[in-house]
Amino acid sequence: MTVFHFFNCAILTFGPHAVYYSATPLSEYDTVGTSVKAAVVYLATALVKLVCLATFLKVPENDNFDPYQELLKAMIGFIDVAGLYFALTQLTHRNISQNHKFQAVGLGWAFADSVLHRLAPLWLGARGLEFTWEYILQGLEANANLVLNLSLAALGSLMWLRKNKPKTLVPIIYAFAGILATMPSITSYLSRGLGWNFPEVVGFELISSLVMAFFSWQLFSACQKPST
């Protein structure tokens, strides 16, 4: 039963990444190399973030929300944006379109995030003798992060790769990208500042991921239309 529970949680956590790759044109254009490169950039970015967090943040004495510490975390979190910029603009990609490039980069980014933050807890905890909903919720959270990372990659491609986008949409694109980049700080505030429990935070992440995906898709579609 414990092994069955582990595999169920693992499929819920990592399965959507494979499904997305197979169900979209990414598999037809063989963009695995782009996703792997993006995953490597994510791991390097995570290492830089870890060093910065260890250098500039103090160990909290309690689990209360500290605005100063969270502000530093949010600023350090923008290292992810720099890493995503590098993955989208500086890595050599196959001859694929902008649509496929941001999806491949976002998919690799999200998969590396799930492996780094959820594989070890899942392996150590989901095989326990007692059933718990925590790892199912972690799987749902991984799905939300997949959508959020794809949305951020889409907006990043508009900011850095799309030159002839409507000027009226530029502030909106940057605003939504800023919200996505600070989402970890937002969820931290909900959890530690407002006292939300884990299921409530995951529910917020799922809803917000759908909302951000809708608006990102609308912005991306608007920028694909020929300017008049």
Protein backbone atom coordinates (compact mmCIF):
# COMPACT_ATOMS: atom_id res chain seq x y z
CA MET A 1 0.00 0.00 0.00
CA THR A 2 2.83 2.41 0.84
CA VAL A 3 4.58 1.78 -2.49
CA PHE A 4 1.27 2.24 -4.31
CA HIS A 5 0.74 5.57 -2.52
CA PHE A 6 4.27 6.67 -3.42
CA PHE A 7 3.77 5.90 -7.12
CA ASN A 8 0.40 7.65 -7.14
CA CYS A 9 1.95 10.80 -5.64
CA ALA A 10 4.95 10.59 -7.97
CA ILE A 11 2.70 10.33 -11.03
CA LEU A 12 0.63 13.26 -9.80
CA THR A 13 3.79 15.33 -9.23
CA PHE A 14 5.81 14.51 -12.34
CA GLY A 15 3.28 12.99 -14.73
CA PRO A 16 1.75 16.27 -15.98
CA HIS A 17 5.15 17.36 -17.29
CA ALA A 18 5.37 14.27 -19.49
CA VAL A 19 1.73 14.60 -20.53
CA TYR A 20 2.25 18.23 -21.52
CA TYR A 21 5.29 17.34 -23.59
CA SER A 22 3.52 14.48 -25.36
CA ALA A 23 0.22 16.28 -25.92
CA THR A 24 1.72 19.43 -27.44
CA PRO A 25 3.83 19.96 -30.58
CA LEU A 26 6.94 19.93 -28.37
CA SER A 27 7.28 16.19 -28.94
CA GLU A 28 6.97 16.61 -32.71
CA TYR A 29 9.83 19.13 -32.78
CA ASP A 30 12.02 17.11 -30.39
CA THR A 31 12.60 19.94 -27.92
CA VAL A 32 13.98 17.72 -25.15
CA GLY A 33 17.41 19.32 -25.53
CA THR A 34 15.98 22.79 -24.92
CA SER A 35 14.12 21.59 -21.83
CA VAL A 36 17.25 19.88 -20.47
CA LYS A 37 19.31 23.03 -20.99
CA ALA A 38 16.64 25.07 -19.20
CA ALA A 39 16.66 22.58 -16.31
CA VAL A 40 20.44 22.93 -15.99
CA VAL A 41 20.12 26.71 -15.93
CA TYR A 42 17.45 26.36 -13.23
CA LEU A 43 19.74 24.23 -11.08
CA ALA A 44 22.56 26.78 -11.46
CA THR A 45 20.12 29.57 -10.59
CA ALA A 46 18.91 27.66 -7.55
CA LEU A 47 22.52 27.28 -6.37
CA VAL A 48 23.10 31.03 -6.68
CA LYS A 49 19.86 31.71 -4.79
CA LEU A 50 20.89 29.28 -2.04
CA VAL A 51 24.22 31.07 -1.59
CA CYS A 52 22.49 34.47 -1.47
CA LEU A 53 19.88 33.24 1.02
CA ALA A 54 22.57 31.78 3.27
CA THR A 55 24.60 35.00 3.04
CA PHE A 56 21.97 37.69 3.52
CA LEU A 57 19.19 36.03 5.54
CA LYS A 58 19.42 35.23 9.22
CA VAL A 59 18.01 32.07 10.73
CA PRO A 60 14.53 32.95 12.07
CA GLU A 61 13.96 32.44 15.76
CA ASN A 62 10.31 31.56 15.13
CA ASP A 63 7.96 30.89 12.23
CA ASN A 64 6.38 34.35 12.26
CA PHE A 65 6.20 36.45 9.11
CA ASP A 66 9.09 38.94 8.94
CA PRO A 67 8.45 41.63 6.28
CA TYR A 68 12.13 42.59 6.02
CA GLN A 69 13.24 38.99 5.55
CA GLU A 70 10.47 38.32 3.06
CA LEU A 71 11.40 41.44 1.09
CA LEU A 72 14.97 40.17 0.85
CA LYS A 73 13.66 36.77 -0.25
CA ALA A 74 11.53 38.42 -2.93
CA MET A 75 14.52 40.41 -4.22
CA ILE A 76 16.68 37.28 -4.27
CA GLY A 77 13.82 35.48 -6.00
CA PHE A 78 14.26 37.75 -9.01
CA ILE A 79 17.43 35.75 -9.71
CA ASP A 80 14.98 33.27 -11.22
CA VAL A 81 13.93 35.94 -13.70
CA ALA A 82 17.57 36.49 -14.63
CA GLY A 83 18.03 32.75 -15.11
CA LEU A 84 14.92 32.55 -17.23
CA TYR A 85 16.16 35.46 -19.32
CA PHE A 86 19.42 33.59 -19.91
CA ALA A 87 17.58 30.39 -20.83
CA LEU A 88 15.32 32.17 -23.32
CA THR A 89 17.80 34.51 -24.95
CA GLN A 90 21.34 33.17 -24.54
CA LEU A 91 21.06 29.40 -24.92
CA THR A 92 21.39 27.96 -28.40
CA HIS A 93 18.15 26.34 -29.47
CA ARG A 94 17.15 24.27 -32.42
CA ASN A 95 15.28 26.01 -35.20
CA ILE A 96 11.99 26.20 -33.30
CA SER A 97 9.42 28.96 -33.13
CA GLN A 98 9.01 31.38 -30.26
CA ASN A 99 5.85 29.52 -29.20
CA HIS A 100 7.69 26.24 -28.83
CA LYS A 101 10.79 27.81 -27.29
CA PHE A 102 9.06 29.35 -24.29
CA GLN A 103 7.06 26.15 -23.70
CA ALA A 104 10.17 23.97 -23.80
CA VAL A 105 12.05 26.33 -21.47
CA GLY A 106 9.10 26.65 -19.07
CA LEU A 107 8.59 22.90 -19.02
CA GLY A 108 12.24 22.18 -18.26
CA TRP A 109 12.25 24.91 -15.61
CA ALA A 110 9.16 23.52 -13.89
CA PHE A 111 10.38 19.92 -14.01
CA ALA A 112 13.72 20.83 -12.44
CA ASP A 113 11.86 22.75 -9.72
CA SER A 114 9.70 19.72 -8.93
CA VAL A 115 12.69 17.36 -8.83
CA LEU A 116 14.73 19.67 -6.62
CA HIS A 117 12.01 20.51 -4.10
CA ARG A 118 9.70 17.48 -4.10
CA LEU A 119 11.50 14.29 -5.10
CA ALA A 120 13.39 13.75 -1.83
CA PRO A 121 10.42 14.57 0.48
CA LEU A 122 8.22 12.35 -1.67
CA TRP A 123 10.68 9.45 -1.55
CA LEU A 124 11.22 9.74 2.19
CA GLY A 125 7.67 10.56 3.25
CA ALA A 126 5.15 9.03 0.85
CA ARG A 127 6.42 5.52 1.59
CA GLY A 128 5.51 5.89 5.25
CA LEU A 129 3.16 3.50 6.97
CA GLU A 130 0.53 6.14 7.62
CA PHE A 131 -1.48 7.65 4.78
CA THR A 132 -1.31 11.45 4.54
CA TRP A 133 -2.76 14.01 2.15
CA GLU A 134 0.39 16.14 2.32
CA TYR A 135 2.12 14.52 -0.64
CA ILE A 136 -1.01 14.58 -2.78
CA LEU A 137 -1.23 18.30 -2.06
CA GLN A 138 2.44 18.64 -2.99
CA GLY A 139 1.64 16.99 -6.30
CA LEU A 140 -1.19 19.46 -6.91
CA GLU A 141 1.17 22.28 -5.98
CA ALA A 142 3.66 20.97 -8.57
CA ASN A 143 0.91 21.15 -11.19
CA ALA A 144 0.17 24.75 -10.23
CA ASN A 145 3.88 25.59 -10.44
CA LEU A 146 4.05 24.01 -13.90
CA VAL A 147 1.32 26.36 -15.12
CA LEU A 148 2.87 29.37 -13.37
CA ASN A 149 6.31 28.67 -14.85
CA LEU A 150 4.87 28.27 -18.34
CA SER A 151 3.02 31.57 -17.89
CA LEU A 152 6.17 33.35 -16.73
CA ALA A 153 8.14 31.89 -19.64
CA ALA A 154 5.44 33.08 -22.06
CA LEU A 155 5.56 36.60 -20.64
CA GLY A 156 9.36 36.48 -20.65
CA SER A 157 9.35 35.62 -24.34
CA LEU A 158 7.12 38.62 -24.96
CA MET A 159 9.38 40.93 -22.96
CA TRP A 160 12.71 39.79 -24.37
CA LEU A 161 12.05 38.13 -27.73
CA ARG A 162 9.02 39.87 -29.17
CA LYS A 163 10.07 43.22 -30.63
CA ASN A 164 6.92 44.48 -32.33
CA LYS A 165 4.43 44.06 -29.50
CA PRO A 166 1.76 46.75 -28.92
CA LYS A 167 3.14 49.47 -26.66
CA THR A 168 -0.11 49.65 -24.69
CA LEU A 169 0.39 46.04 -23.55
CA VAL A 170 3.99 46.45 -22.35
CA PRO A 171 3.14 47.72 -18.81
CA ILE A 172 0.53 44.98 -18.42
CA ILE A 173 3.02 42.30 -19.48
CA TYR A 174 5.60 43.54 -16.98
CA ALA A 175 2.97 43.79 -14.22
CA PHE A 176 1.83 40.20 -14.64
CA ALA A 177 5.44 39.01 -14.91
CA GLY A 178 6.20 40.79 -11.63
CA ILE A 179 3.26 39.08 -9.94
CA LEU A 180 4.43 35.69 -11.17
CA ALA A 181 8.01 36.35 -10.06
CA THR A 182 6.86 37.25 -6.54
CA MET A 183 4.37 34.38 -6.19
CA PRO A 184 6.60 32.50 -3.66
CA SER A 185 6.58 35.58 -1.42
CA ILE A 186 2.82 35.91 -1.80
CA THR A 187 2.22 32.31 -0.75
CA SER A 188 4.70 32.72 2.12
CA TYR A 189 2.72 35.71 3.38
CA LEU A 190 -0.54 33.74 3.16
CA SER A 191 0.99 30.85 5.07
CA ARG A 192 3.06 32.63 7.70
CA GLY A 193 1.50 36.06 7.80
CA LEU A 194 -2.19 35.20 7.61
CA GLY A 195 -1.93 31.69 9.02
CA TRP A 196 -3.40 29.82 6.06
CA ASN A 197 -2.94 26.06 6.22
CA PHE A 198 -1.31 24.07 3.44
CA PRO A 199 -4.53 22.99 1.64
CA GLU A 200 -5.72 26.60 1.50
CA VAL A 201 -2.38 27.77 0.08
CA VAL A 202 -2.42 25.01 -2.54
CA GLY A 203 -5.98 25.96 -3.48
CA PHE A 204 -4.89 29.56 -3.91
CA GLU A 205 -1.95 28.45 -6.07
CA LEU A 206 -4.20 26.33 -8.28
CA ILE A 207 -6.73 29.13 -8.80
CA SER A 208 -4.09 31.81 -9.33
CA SER A 209 -2.21 29.58 -11.81
CA LEU A 210 -5.35 29.24 -13.93
CA VAL A 211 -6.03 32.99 -13.76
CA MET A 212 -2.45 33.89 -14.67
CA ALA A 213 -2.41 31.32 -17.47
CA PHE A 214 -5.58 32.82 -18.94
CA PHE A 215 -4.23 36.37 -18.91
CA SER A 216 -0.81 35.27 -20.17
CA TRP A 217 -2.48 33.45 -23.05
CA GLN A 218 -4.58 36.52 -23.83
CA LEU A 219 -1.50 38.76 -23.83
CA PHE A 220 0.50 36.31 -25.92
CA SER A 221 -2.32 36.01 -28.46
CA ALA A 222 -2.72 39.79 -28.64
CA CYS A 223 0.99 40.21 -29.35
CA GLN A 224 0.86 37.62 -32.14
CA LYS A 225 -1.63 39.71 -34.10
CA PRO A 226 -0.05 41.86 -36.80
CA SER A 227 0.19 45.49 -35.78
CA THR A 228 -1.82 47.98 -37.79
